[in-house]
């Protein structure tokens, strides 16, 4: 059964307590408890990976961006190598880019906590392109890290472009 999670919310019902978790009676204990809880929470881990993916992409750090994609990554029929070839060219041609994510929704596969789906609206801006799209990504735990397994993208209408056309 799939359970949707809005934004960065905790799964409902809350997961059972982590064994040997430290009580949050002091600030130091609270910080330690947060670390233990986040290490046990796949949504938090995958969210951190998603945010790092976005930052590495925005910073045009190709090697780090590429490392987020699992060996079996697929997008629109392309394998990882073809996809990354295309992205490397884009990184080289665009002096800057800005990526923002909105309406982030995690979907947890109740049968496999090592596989998560995230849906979000993405705003992409660069020196030569500005667009919004809805994305769905599958993330999986590969070893001790979360990696992208697949991605689907649906372009969204550009309301600013529509407004400019209507003003003509």
N, C-alpha and C. Protein backbone atom coordinates (compact mmCIF):
# COMPACT_ATOMS: atom_id res chain seq x y z
N UNK A 1 0.84 -1.18 0.00
CA UNK A 1 0.00 0.00 0.00
C UNK A 1 0.88 1.24 0.00
N UNK A 2 0.55 2.24 -0.81
CA UNK A 2 1.31 3.47 -0.89
C UNK A 2 0.70 4.50 0.05
N UNK A 3 1.54 5.19 0.80
CA UNK A 3 1.10 6.22 1.72
C UNK A 3 1.72 7.54 1.31
N UNK A 4 0.90 8.53 0.89
CA UNK A 4 1.49 9.81 0.50
C UNK A 4 1.93 10.60 1.73
N UNK A 5 3.02 11.33 1.58
CA UNK A 5 3.53 12.20 2.63
C UNK A 5 3.68 13.59 2.06
N UNK A 6 3.07 14.56 2.70
CA UNK A 6 3.14 15.93 2.20
C UNK A 6 4.44 16.58 2.63
N UNK A 7 5.14 17.16 1.67
CA UNK A 7 6.33 17.93 1.96
C UNK A 7 7.36 17.16 2.72
N UNK A 8 7.72 17.65 3.87
CA UNK A 8 8.77 17.05 4.67
C UNK A 8 8.18 16.42 5.92
N UNK A 9 6.89 16.12 5.91
CA UNK A 9 6.22 15.59 7.10
C UNK A 9 6.70 14.19 7.43
N UNK A 10 6.55 13.82 8.68
CA UNK A 10 6.87 12.48 9.13
C UNK A 10 5.78 11.52 8.65
N UNK A 11 6.13 10.23 8.45
CA UNK A 11 5.11 9.25 8.08
C UNK A 11 4.07 9.14 9.17
N UNK A 12 2.85 8.83 8.81
CA UNK A 12 1.77 8.60 9.76
C UNK A 12 1.26 7.19 9.55
N UNK A 13 1.15 6.39 10.57
CA UNK A 13 1.52 6.70 11.94
C UNK A 13 3.03 6.79 12.09
N UNK A 14 3.42 7.44 13.18
CA UNK A 14 4.86 7.64 13.42
C UNK A 14 5.55 6.29 13.55
N UNK A 15 6.79 6.20 13.07
CA UNK A 15 7.52 4.94 13.18
C UNK A 15 7.80 4.63 14.65
N UNK A 16 8.00 3.35 14.97
CA UNK A 16 8.30 3.02 16.36
C UNK A 16 9.61 3.68 16.78
N UNK A 17 9.76 3.93 18.09
CA UNK A 17 11.00 4.58 18.54
C UNK A 17 12.22 3.74 18.20
N UNK A 18 13.32 4.43 17.97
CA UNK A 18 14.57 3.77 17.66
C UNK A 18 15.14 3.20 18.97
N UNK A 19 15.53 1.92 18.99
CA UNK A 19 16.11 1.38 20.21
C UNK A 19 17.32 2.19 20.64
N UNK A 20 17.46 2.33 21.94
CA UNK A 20 18.59 3.06 22.54
C UNK A 20 18.60 4.55 22.20
N UNK A 21 17.46 5.11 21.77
CA UNK A 21 17.41 6.54 21.49
C UNK A 21 17.53 7.30 22.81
N UNK A 22 18.20 8.43 22.78
CA UNK A 22 18.42 9.23 23.98
C UNK A 22 17.22 10.13 24.20
N UNK A 23 16.79 10.25 25.44
CA UNK A 23 15.69 11.13 25.79
C UNK A 23 16.05 12.57 25.49
N UNK A 24 15.07 13.37 25.08
CA UNK A 24 15.31 14.76 24.71
C UNK A 24 15.14 15.69 25.91
N UNK A 25 15.70 15.34 27.07
CA UNK A 25 15.51 16.14 28.27
C UNK A 25 16.38 17.38 28.30
N UNK A 26 17.46 17.41 27.52
CA UNK A 26 18.30 18.61 27.43
C UNK A 26 18.53 18.93 25.97
N UNK A 27 19.06 20.09 25.71
CA UNK A 27 19.35 20.49 24.33
C UNK A 27 20.30 19.50 23.67
N UNK A 28 21.35 19.10 24.38
CA UNK A 28 22.31 18.15 23.82
C UNK A 28 21.64 16.83 23.52
N UNK A 29 20.81 16.37 24.45
CA UNK A 29 20.11 15.11 24.22
C UNK A 29 19.12 15.24 23.06
N UNK A 30 18.48 16.40 22.94
CA UNK A 30 17.53 16.60 21.85
C UNK A 30 18.25 16.53 20.50
N UNK A 31 19.42 17.15 20.42
CA UNK A 31 20.19 17.12 19.17
C UNK A 31 20.59 15.68 18.83
N UNK A 32 21.04 14.92 19.83
CA UNK A 32 21.42 13.53 19.61
C UNK A 32 20.20 12.71 19.19
N UNK A 33 19.07 12.94 19.82
CA UNK A 33 17.84 12.23 19.48
C UNK A 33 17.43 12.51 18.03
N UNK A 34 17.56 13.78 17.62
CA UNK A 34 17.24 14.14 16.23
C UNK A 34 18.14 13.38 15.26
N UNK A 35 19.43 13.27 15.58
CA UNK A 35 20.36 12.54 14.71
C UNK A 35 19.97 11.07 14.60
N UNK A 36 19.62 10.46 15.74
CA UNK A 36 19.22 9.05 15.73
C UNK A 36 17.95 8.87 14.92
N UNK A 37 16.96 9.76 15.13
CA UNK A 37 15.69 9.66 14.40
C UNK A 37 15.90 9.86 12.91
N UNK A 38 16.72 10.86 12.52
CA UNK A 38 16.90 11.10 11.09
C UNK A 38 17.65 9.96 10.42
N UNK A 39 18.55 9.30 11.15
CA UNK A 39 19.26 8.17 10.57
C UNK A 39 18.32 6.99 10.33
N UNK A 40 17.24 6.91 11.09
CA UNK A 40 16.31 5.80 10.96
C UNK A 40 15.14 6.14 10.03
N UNK A 41 15.05 7.36 9.55
CA UNK A 41 13.90 7.81 8.77
C UNK A 41 14.27 7.93 7.29
N UNK A 42 13.83 7.00 6.46
CA UNK A 42 14.20 7.03 5.04
C UNK A 42 13.72 8.30 4.32
N UNK A 43 12.58 8.85 4.72
CA UNK A 43 12.08 10.06 4.05
C UNK A 43 13.03 11.23 4.32
N UNK A 44 13.48 11.36 5.56
CA UNK A 44 14.42 12.43 5.87
C UNK A 44 15.73 12.25 5.11
N UNK A 45 16.22 11.03 5.05
CA UNK A 45 17.46 10.76 4.33
C UNK A 45 17.30 11.06 2.85
N UNK A 46 16.21 10.60 2.26
CA UNK A 46 15.98 10.84 0.84
C UNK A 46 15.75 12.32 0.56
N UNK A 47 15.10 13.03 1.48
CA UNK A 47 14.91 14.46 1.32
C UNK A 47 16.25 15.18 1.31
N UNK A 48 17.15 14.79 2.20
CA UNK A 48 18.49 15.38 2.21
C UNK A 48 19.19 15.10 0.88
N UNK A 49 19.04 13.89 0.34
CA UNK A 49 19.65 13.55 -0.95
C UNK A 49 19.04 14.38 -2.08
N UNK A 50 17.72 14.56 -2.05
CA UNK A 50 17.03 15.37 -3.06
C UNK A 50 17.53 16.82 -3.02
N UNK A 51 17.66 17.38 -1.84
CA UNK A 51 18.12 18.76 -1.72
C UNK A 51 19.58 18.90 -2.15
N UNK A 52 20.40 17.89 -1.88
CA UNK A 52 21.79 17.93 -2.33
C UNK A 52 21.86 17.81 -3.86
N UNK A 53 21.01 16.95 -4.44
CA UNK A 53 20.92 16.81 -5.90
C UNK A 53 20.58 18.16 -6.53
N UNK A 54 19.58 18.85 -5.97
CA UNK A 54 19.18 20.15 -6.48
C UNK A 54 20.33 21.15 -6.38
N UNK A 55 21.01 21.18 -5.24
CA UNK A 55 22.11 22.12 -5.05
C UNK A 55 23.28 21.82 -5.99
N UNK A 56 23.62 20.55 -6.14
CA UNK A 56 24.73 20.18 -7.04
C UNK A 56 24.39 20.53 -8.49
N UNK A 57 23.13 20.35 -8.86
CA UNK A 57 22.69 20.72 -10.21
C UNK A 57 22.78 22.23 -10.39
N UNK A 58 22.22 22.97 -9.42
CA UNK A 58 22.23 24.43 -9.52
C UNK A 58 23.66 24.97 -9.55
N UNK A 59 24.56 24.36 -8.80
CA UNK A 59 25.95 24.80 -8.76
C UNK A 59 26.76 24.31 -9.96
N UNK A 60 26.14 23.54 -10.82
CA UNK A 60 26.77 23.01 -12.02
C UNK A 60 28.00 22.17 -11.68
N UNK A 61 27.92 21.45 -10.56
CA UNK A 61 28.98 20.54 -10.15
C UNK A 61 28.67 19.18 -10.78
N UNK A 62 29.15 18.99 -12.00
CA UNK A 62 28.74 17.83 -12.78
C UNK A 62 29.06 16.50 -12.09
N UNK A 63 30.25 16.36 -11.54
CA UNK A 63 30.64 15.09 -10.93
C UNK A 63 29.72 14.74 -9.76
N UNK A 64 29.44 15.71 -8.92
CA UNK A 64 28.53 15.45 -7.78
C UNK A 64 27.11 15.20 -8.28
N UNK A 65 26.66 15.97 -9.28
CA UNK A 65 25.33 15.77 -9.85
C UNK A 65 25.21 14.34 -10.40
N UNK A 66 26.20 13.91 -11.16
CA UNK A 66 26.18 12.58 -11.77
C UNK A 66 26.16 11.48 -10.71
N UNK A 67 26.84 11.70 -9.60
CA UNK A 67 26.91 10.69 -8.54
C UNK A 67 25.55 10.41 -7.90
N UNK A 68 24.59 11.29 -8.05
CA UNK A 68 23.25 11.07 -7.49
C UNK A 68 22.46 10.04 -8.29
N UNK A 69 22.91 9.71 -9.49
CA UNK A 69 22.17 8.83 -10.39
C UNK A 69 22.72 7.41 -10.32
N UNK A 70 21.86 6.46 -9.96
CA UNK A 70 22.26 5.05 -9.85
C UNK A 70 22.66 4.50 -11.21
N UNK A 71 23.42 3.44 -11.21
CA UNK A 71 23.86 2.80 -12.47
C UNK A 71 22.67 2.43 -13.34
N UNK A 72 21.56 2.03 -12.73
CA UNK A 72 20.38 1.62 -13.50
C UNK A 72 19.41 2.77 -13.80
N UNK A 73 19.83 4.02 -13.56
CA UNK A 73 18.99 5.19 -13.80
C UNK A 73 18.47 5.22 -15.24
N UNK A 74 17.18 5.56 -15.38
CA UNK A 74 16.53 5.69 -16.69
C UNK A 74 15.65 6.93 -16.70
N UNK A 75 15.64 7.61 -17.85
CA UNK A 75 14.74 8.74 -18.04
C UNK A 75 14.35 8.78 -19.52
N UNK A 76 13.06 8.82 -19.77
CA UNK A 76 12.54 8.93 -21.14
C UNK A 76 13.24 8.00 -22.11
N UNK A 77 13.45 6.75 -21.72
CA UNK A 77 14.07 5.77 -22.59
C UNK A 77 15.58 5.82 -22.66
N UNK A 78 16.19 6.83 -22.06
CA UNK A 78 17.65 6.96 -22.09
C UNK A 78 18.26 6.31 -20.86
N UNK A 79 19.41 5.69 -21.05
CA UNK A 79 20.12 5.14 -19.90
C UNK A 79 20.94 6.25 -19.24
N UNK A 80 21.58 5.91 -18.15
CA UNK A 80 22.35 6.88 -17.36
C UNK A 80 23.41 7.58 -18.21
N UNK A 81 24.16 6.84 -19.00
CA UNK A 81 25.25 7.45 -19.78
C UNK A 81 24.74 8.46 -20.78
N UNK A 82 23.69 8.12 -21.53
CA UNK A 82 23.13 9.06 -22.51
C UNK A 82 22.59 10.31 -21.82
N UNK A 83 21.88 10.10 -20.73
CA UNK A 83 21.32 11.22 -19.98
C UNK A 83 22.43 12.15 -19.49
N UNK A 84 23.49 11.58 -18.90
CA UNK A 84 24.56 12.41 -18.35
C UNK A 84 25.39 13.08 -19.45
N UNK A 85 25.50 12.46 -20.61
CA UNK A 85 26.16 13.10 -21.75
C UNK A 85 25.44 14.40 -22.11
N UNK A 86 24.12 14.30 -22.20
CA UNK A 86 23.30 15.46 -22.53
C UNK A 86 23.42 16.54 -21.44
N UNK A 87 23.39 16.13 -20.19
CA UNK A 87 23.48 17.08 -19.09
C UNK A 87 24.85 17.76 -19.05
N UNK A 88 25.92 17.02 -19.33
CA UNK A 88 27.27 17.63 -19.33
C UNK A 88 27.32 18.77 -20.35
N UNK A 89 26.75 18.56 -21.54
CA UNK A 89 26.72 19.60 -22.57
C UNK A 89 25.96 20.82 -22.07
N UNK A 90 24.82 20.59 -21.42
CA UNK A 90 24.03 21.70 -20.88
C UNK A 90 24.82 22.44 -19.81
N UNK A 91 25.47 21.72 -18.91
CA UNK A 91 26.26 22.35 -17.86
C UNK A 91 27.34 23.24 -18.46
N UNK A 92 27.98 22.77 -19.52
CA UNK A 92 29.07 23.52 -20.15
C UNK A 92 28.58 24.76 -20.87
N UNK A 93 27.36 24.75 -21.38
CA UNK A 93 26.85 25.86 -22.20
C UNK A 93 26.15 26.95 -21.38
N UNK A 94 25.74 26.63 -20.18
CA UNK A 94 24.97 27.61 -19.40
C UNK A 94 25.82 28.13 -18.25
N UNK A 95 26.05 29.45 -18.21
CA UNK A 95 26.92 30.01 -17.18
C UNK A 95 26.31 29.97 -15.77
N UNK A 96 25.01 29.88 -15.69
CA UNK A 96 24.34 29.78 -14.39
C UNK A 96 22.99 29.11 -14.58
N UNK A 97 22.47 28.57 -13.49
CA UNK A 97 21.12 28.02 -13.48
C UNK A 97 20.58 28.08 -12.06
N UNK A 98 19.28 28.22 -11.98
CA UNK A 98 18.60 28.27 -10.69
C UNK A 98 17.49 27.24 -10.71
N UNK A 99 17.47 26.36 -9.72
CA UNK A 99 16.46 25.31 -9.64
C UNK A 99 15.74 25.45 -8.31
N UNK A 100 14.42 25.53 -8.39
CA UNK A 100 13.60 25.58 -7.18
C UNK A 100 12.57 24.46 -7.24
N UNK A 101 12.27 23.88 -6.08
CA UNK A 101 11.30 22.80 -5.97
C UNK A 101 10.13 23.25 -5.11
N UNK A 102 8.91 22.94 -5.56
CA UNK A 102 7.69 23.29 -4.86
C UNK A 102 6.80 22.06 -4.75
N UNK A 103 5.88 22.09 -3.80
CA UNK A 103 4.87 21.04 -3.65
C UNK A 103 5.51 19.65 -3.60
N UNK A 104 6.51 19.50 -2.76
CA UNK A 104 7.21 18.23 -2.62
C UNK A 104 6.32 17.23 -1.89
N UNK A 105 6.13 16.07 -2.49
CA UNK A 105 5.29 15.01 -1.92
C UNK A 105 6.02 13.69 -2.03
N UNK A 106 6.29 13.06 -0.89
CA UNK A 106 6.94 11.74 -0.87
C UNK A 106 5.89 10.66 -0.79
N UNK A 107 6.10 9.59 -1.52
CA UNK A 107 5.22 8.41 -1.48
C UNK A 107 6.08 7.24 -1.04
N UNK A 108 5.69 6.63 0.07
CA UNK A 108 6.45 5.53 0.64
C UNK A 108 5.81 4.22 0.23
N UNK A 109 6.62 3.32 -0.29
CA UNK A 109 6.17 1.97 -0.59
C UNK A 109 6.24 1.20 0.72
N UNK A 110 5.08 0.87 1.28
CA UNK A 110 5.03 0.20 2.58
C UNK A 110 5.72 -1.14 2.60
N UNK A 111 5.96 -1.73 1.44
CA UNK A 111 6.61 -3.05 1.40
C UNK A 111 8.12 -2.94 1.27
N UNK A 112 8.64 -1.75 0.89
CA UNK A 112 10.08 -1.61 0.71
C UNK A 112 10.52 -0.20 1.11
N UNK A 113 10.98 -0.02 2.35
CA UNK A 113 11.39 1.32 2.79
C UNK A 113 12.65 1.83 2.08
N UNK A 114 13.29 1.00 1.27
CA UNK A 114 14.47 1.43 0.52
C UNK A 114 14.13 1.94 -0.86
N UNK A 115 12.84 2.10 -1.16
CA UNK A 115 12.38 2.65 -2.44
C UNK A 115 11.32 3.70 -2.14
N UNK A 116 11.55 4.91 -2.62
CA UNK A 116 10.62 6.02 -2.40
C UNK A 116 10.36 6.72 -3.73
N UNK A 117 9.20 7.31 -3.84
CA UNK A 117 8.85 8.14 -4.99
C UNK A 117 8.63 9.55 -4.48
N UNK A 118 9.14 10.54 -5.20
CA UNK A 118 8.89 11.93 -4.85
C UNK A 118 8.30 12.63 -6.07
N UNK A 119 7.30 13.45 -5.82
CA UNK A 119 6.69 14.28 -6.86
C UNK A 119 6.85 15.73 -6.45
N UNK A 120 7.15 16.60 -7.42
CA UNK A 120 7.29 18.02 -7.11
C UNK A 120 7.15 18.84 -8.38
N UNK A 121 6.93 20.12 -8.19
CA UNK A 121 6.96 21.09 -9.28
C UNK A 121 8.34 21.71 -9.24
N UNK A 122 8.97 21.76 -10.41
CA UNK A 122 10.32 22.30 -10.53
C UNK A 122 10.31 23.56 -11.37
N UNK A 123 10.97 24.59 -10.87
CA UNK A 123 11.18 25.82 -11.63
C UNK A 123 12.65 25.85 -12.01
N UNK A 124 12.93 25.94 -13.31
CA UNK A 124 14.30 25.97 -13.81
C UNK A 124 14.51 27.28 -14.55
N UNK A 125 15.58 27.99 -14.19
CA UNK A 125 15.94 29.22 -14.88
C UNK A 125 17.43 29.18 -15.20
N UNK A 126 17.77 29.65 -16.40
CA UNK A 126 19.18 29.80 -16.78
C UNK A 126 19.28 31.03 -17.66
N UNK A 127 20.47 31.27 -18.15
CA UNK A 127 20.69 32.44 -19.00
C UNK A 127 19.87 32.37 -20.28
N UNK A 128 19.51 31.15 -20.73
CA UNK A 128 18.81 31.02 -22.01
C UNK A 128 17.45 30.33 -21.92
N UNK A 129 17.07 29.84 -20.74
CA UNK A 129 15.83 29.07 -20.64
C UNK A 129 15.18 29.27 -19.28
N UNK A 130 13.85 29.35 -19.29
CA UNK A 130 13.07 29.41 -18.07
C UNK A 130 11.85 28.52 -18.28
N UNK A 131 11.67 27.53 -17.38
CA UNK A 131 10.53 26.64 -17.54
C UNK A 131 10.12 26.05 -16.21
N UNK A 132 8.89 25.59 -16.18
CA UNK A 132 8.35 24.88 -15.01
C UNK A 132 7.87 23.52 -15.48
N UNK A 133 8.06 22.53 -14.62
CA UNK A 133 7.60 21.19 -14.96
C UNK A 133 7.21 20.45 -13.69
N UNK A 134 6.45 19.41 -13.88
CA UNK A 134 6.11 18.51 -12.78
C UNK A 134 7.00 17.29 -12.96
N UNK A 135 7.67 16.90 -11.88
CA UNK A 135 8.57 15.76 -11.95
C UNK A 135 8.13 14.68 -10.98
N UNK A 136 8.43 13.45 -11.38
CA UNK A 136 8.29 12.31 -10.48
C UNK A 136 9.60 11.54 -10.56
N UNK A 137 10.21 11.34 -9.42
CA UNK A 137 11.47 10.61 -9.35
C UNK A 137 11.32 9.41 -8.43
N UNK A 138 11.99 8.33 -8.81
CA UNK A 138 12.10 7.15 -7.94
C UNK A 138 13.49 7.17 -7.35
N UNK A 139 13.58 7.09 -6.05
CA UNK A 139 14.84 7.06 -5.34
C UNK A 139 14.98 5.71 -4.65
N UNK A 140 16.18 5.21 -4.55
CA UNK A 140 16.43 3.95 -3.87
C UNK A 140 17.72 4.01 -3.08
N UNK A 141 17.74 3.23 -2.03
CA UNK A 141 18.98 3.15 -1.25
C UNK A 141 19.91 2.19 -1.97
N UNK A 142 21.09 2.68 -2.32
CA UNK A 142 22.12 1.89 -2.98
C UNK A 142 23.31 1.92 -2.03
N UNK A 143 23.61 0.80 -1.41
CA UNK A 143 24.63 0.80 -0.37
C UNK A 143 24.13 1.63 0.80
N UNK A 144 24.90 2.63 1.18
CA UNK A 144 24.49 3.49 2.29
C UNK A 144 24.01 4.86 1.83
N UNK A 145 23.74 5.03 0.54
CA UNK A 145 23.33 6.33 0.01
C UNK A 145 22.03 6.20 -0.80
N UNK A 146 21.29 7.30 -0.87
CA UNK A 146 20.09 7.37 -1.69
C UNK A 146 20.49 7.84 -3.08
N UNK A 147 20.03 7.11 -4.11
CA UNK A 147 20.36 7.44 -5.51
C UNK A 147 19.08 7.50 -6.33
N UNK A 148 19.13 8.30 -7.38
CA UNK A 148 18.02 8.39 -8.32
C UNK A 148 17.98 7.15 -9.20
N UNK A 149 16.79 6.53 -9.31
CA UNK A 149 16.61 5.35 -10.15
C UNK A 149 15.94 5.69 -11.47
N UNK A 150 15.00 6.64 -11.42
CA UNK A 150 14.30 7.05 -12.64
C UNK A 150 13.67 8.42 -12.44
N UNK A 151 13.28 9.02 -13.57
CA UNK A 151 12.69 10.35 -13.53
C UNK A 151 11.74 10.50 -14.70
N UNK A 152 10.60 11.13 -14.43
CA UNK A 152 9.65 11.49 -15.48
C UNK A 152 9.36 12.98 -15.32
N UNK A 153 9.22 13.66 -16.45
CA UNK A 153 8.99 15.11 -16.42
C UNK A 153 7.85 15.47 -17.35
N UNK A 154 6.96 16.33 -16.87
CA UNK A 154 5.86 16.83 -17.68
C UNK A 154 5.94 18.35 -17.66
N UNK A 155 6.19 18.99 -18.82
CA UNK A 155 6.25 20.46 -18.85
C UNK A 155 4.91 21.06 -18.42
N UNK A 156 4.98 22.19 -17.73
CA UNK A 156 3.78 22.91 -17.31
C UNK A 156 3.67 24.19 -18.13
N UNK A 157 2.46 24.69 -18.31
CA UNK A 157 2.30 25.96 -19.04
C UNK A 157 3.06 27.07 -18.32
N UNK A 158 3.56 28.02 -19.10
CA UNK A 158 4.28 29.16 -18.56
C UNK A 158 3.29 30.31 -18.42
N UNK A 159 2.79 30.57 -17.18
CA UNK A 159 1.80 31.63 -17.02
C UNK A 159 2.33 32.99 -17.43
N UNK A 160 3.60 33.27 -17.19
CA UNK A 160 4.18 34.57 -17.58
C UNK A 160 4.20 34.67 -19.10
N UNK A 161 4.56 33.59 -19.78
CA UNK A 161 4.56 33.58 -21.24
C UNK A 161 3.16 33.78 -21.80
N UNK A 162 2.17 33.17 -21.17
CA UNK A 162 0.79 33.32 -21.60
C UNK A 162 0.35 34.76 -21.42
N UNK A 163 0.76 35.38 -20.30
CA UNK A 163 0.39 36.76 -20.03
C UNK A 163 1.03 37.69 -21.07
N UNK A 164 2.31 37.40 -21.42
CA UNK A 164 3.00 38.22 -22.44
C UNK A 164 2.30 38.10 -23.79
N UNK A 165 1.89 36.86 -24.14
CA UNK A 165 1.20 36.66 -25.43
C UNK A 165 -0.13 37.36 -25.43
N UNK A 166 -0.85 37.33 -24.31
CA UNK A 166 -2.17 37.97 -24.23
C UNK A 166 -2.06 39.49 -24.31
N UNK A 167 -0.96 40.04 -23.85
CA UNK A 167 -0.78 41.50 -23.86
C UNK A 167 -0.47 42.03 -25.25
N UNK A 168 -0.10 41.17 -26.19
CA UNK A 168 0.25 41.62 -27.54
C UNK A 168 -0.94 42.04 -28.32
